[in-house]
Amino acid sequence: MNKIRVEVAYALPEKQKIIALDVEENCTVRDAVLRSNIDAFFPGLDLENVKVGIFGKAVRNADTQTLKEGERVEIYRELKVDPKQARANRAAKSS
């Protein structure tokens, strides 16, 4: 089976990591995330349940979507504050 090269990325405000992987052509997004072992650099990161995207576009089903050569899987952090609430907080501060 042919191999393709992909990357898996995760970042915190103070730390980031991008891991390059050679995977099978039919590798799913979730498989690449799990094979990256990126959680070794970020204890507590639950690779089975994280939300992910490819080049900034959310992936609906990481367990079935397959990757293409050169794609970068991005693991998204949980939001600390709901975006609507954050806007409301900023609006309240400015008035």
Protein backbone atom coordinates (compact mmCIF):
# COMPACT_ATOMS: atom_id res chain seq x y z
CA MET A 1 0.00 0.00 0.00
CA ASN A 2 1.25 3.50 -0.84
CA LYS A 3 2.18 5.93 1.90
CA ILE A 4 1.36 9.63 2.14
CA ARG A 5 2.91 12.32 4.33
CA VAL A 6 0.63 14.27 6.68
CA GLU A 7 1.05 16.41 9.77
CA VAL A 8 -0.77 16.52 13.10
CA ALA A 9 -0.69 19.82 15.01
CA TYR A 10 -1.75 21.00 18.45
CA ALA A 11 -1.05 24.28 20.21
CA LEU A 12 -1.50 25.92 23.55
CA PRO A 13 -0.77 29.62 24.06
CA GLU A 14 2.65 28.74 25.49
CA LYS A 15 3.51 25.57 23.53
CA GLN A 16 2.92 24.06 20.10
CA LYS A 17 3.86 20.86 18.32
CA ILE A 18 3.61 19.64 14.74
CA ILE A 19 4.33 15.98 14.06
CA ALA A 20 4.97 14.69 10.53
CA LEU A 21 3.77 11.17 9.78
CA ASP A 22 3.95 8.71 6.90
CA VAL A 23 0.60 6.88 6.80
CA GLU A 24 -1.31 4.60 4.43
CA GLU A 25 -3.33 6.30 1.68
CA ASN A 26 -6.65 5.33 3.27
CA CYS A 27 -5.70 6.58 6.75
CA THR A 28 -8.51 8.35 8.57
CA VAL A 29 -8.13 11.64 10.40
CA ARG A 30 -8.64 9.90 13.76
CA ASP A 31 -6.03 7.23 12.94
CA ALA A 32 -3.45 9.90 12.13
CA VAL A 33 -4.20 11.75 15.37
CA LEU A 34 -3.81 8.54 17.38
CA ARG A 35 -0.61 7.47 15.57
CA SER A 36 0.97 10.87 16.18
CA ASN A 37 1.18 10.21 19.95
CA ILE A 38 0.99 13.98 20.33
CA ASP A 39 -0.65 13.47 23.72
CA ALA A 40 2.80 12.52 25.05
CA PHE A 41 3.66 16.23 24.77
CA PHE A 42 0.31 17.41 26.17
CA PRO A 43 -0.74 15.28 29.16
CA GLY A 44 -4.50 15.08 29.54
CA LEU A 45 -5.24 15.51 25.82
CA ASP A 46 -7.99 12.99 24.97
CA LEU A 47 -7.19 11.98 21.38
CA GLU A 48 -10.29 9.78 21.10
CA ASN A 49 -12.67 12.71 21.63
CA VAL A 50 -10.96 15.91 20.48
CA LYS A 51 -12.46 18.08 17.75
CA VAL A 52 -10.23 18.32 14.69
CA GLY A 53 -9.91 20.09 11.37
CA ILE A 54 -7.81 20.08 8.24
CA PHE A 55 -6.15 23.39 7.42
CA GLY A 56 -8.65 25.27 9.60
CA LYS A 57 -11.80 23.59 8.29
CA ALA A 58 -13.66 21.45 10.83
CA VAL A 59 -13.92 17.72 10.16
CA ARG A 60 -17.38 16.32 10.89
CA ASN A 61 -16.43 12.66 11.22
CA ALA A 62 -12.76 12.04 11.98
CA ASP A 63 -13.39 8.29 12.13
CA THR A 64 -14.38 8.04 8.46
CA GLN A 65 -12.77 10.98 6.64
CA THR A 66 -9.54 9.97 4.93
CA LEU A 67 -6.48 12.13 4.45
CA LYS A 68 -4.68 13.28 1.33
CA GLU A 69 -0.98 13.86 0.74
CA GLY A 70 0.32 16.95 2.55
CA GLU A 71 -2.74 17.67 4.69
CA ARG A 72 -2.32 19.03 8.21
CA VAL A 73 -4.71 17.80 10.90
CA GLU A 74 -5.27 20.42 13.58
CA ILE A 75 -6.48 19.42 17.01
CA TYR A 76 -8.77 22.08 18.48
CA ARG A 77 -8.75 23.15 22.11
CA GLU A 78 -11.96 23.41 24.08
CA LEU A 79 -13.24 26.97 24.30
CA LYS A 80 -12.90 28.53 27.74
CA VAL A 81 -15.75 30.96 27.09
CA ASP A 82 -18.63 30.70 24.63
CA PRO A 83 -17.96 33.19 21.77
CA LYS A 84 -21.36 34.87 22.26
CA GLN A 85 -20.64 35.35 25.94
CA ALA A 86 -17.16 36.72 25.19
CA ARG A 87 -18.65 39.35 22.83
CA ALA A 88 -21.23 40.29 25.45
CA ASN A 89 -18.47 40.64 28.05
CA ARG A 90 -16.44 42.90 25.77
CA ALA A 91 -19.49 45.02 24.94
CA ALA A 92 -20.29 45.44 28.63
CA LYS A 93 -16.72 46.59 29.37
CA SER A 94 -16.70 49.19 26.60
CA SER A 95 -19.94 50.90 27.69
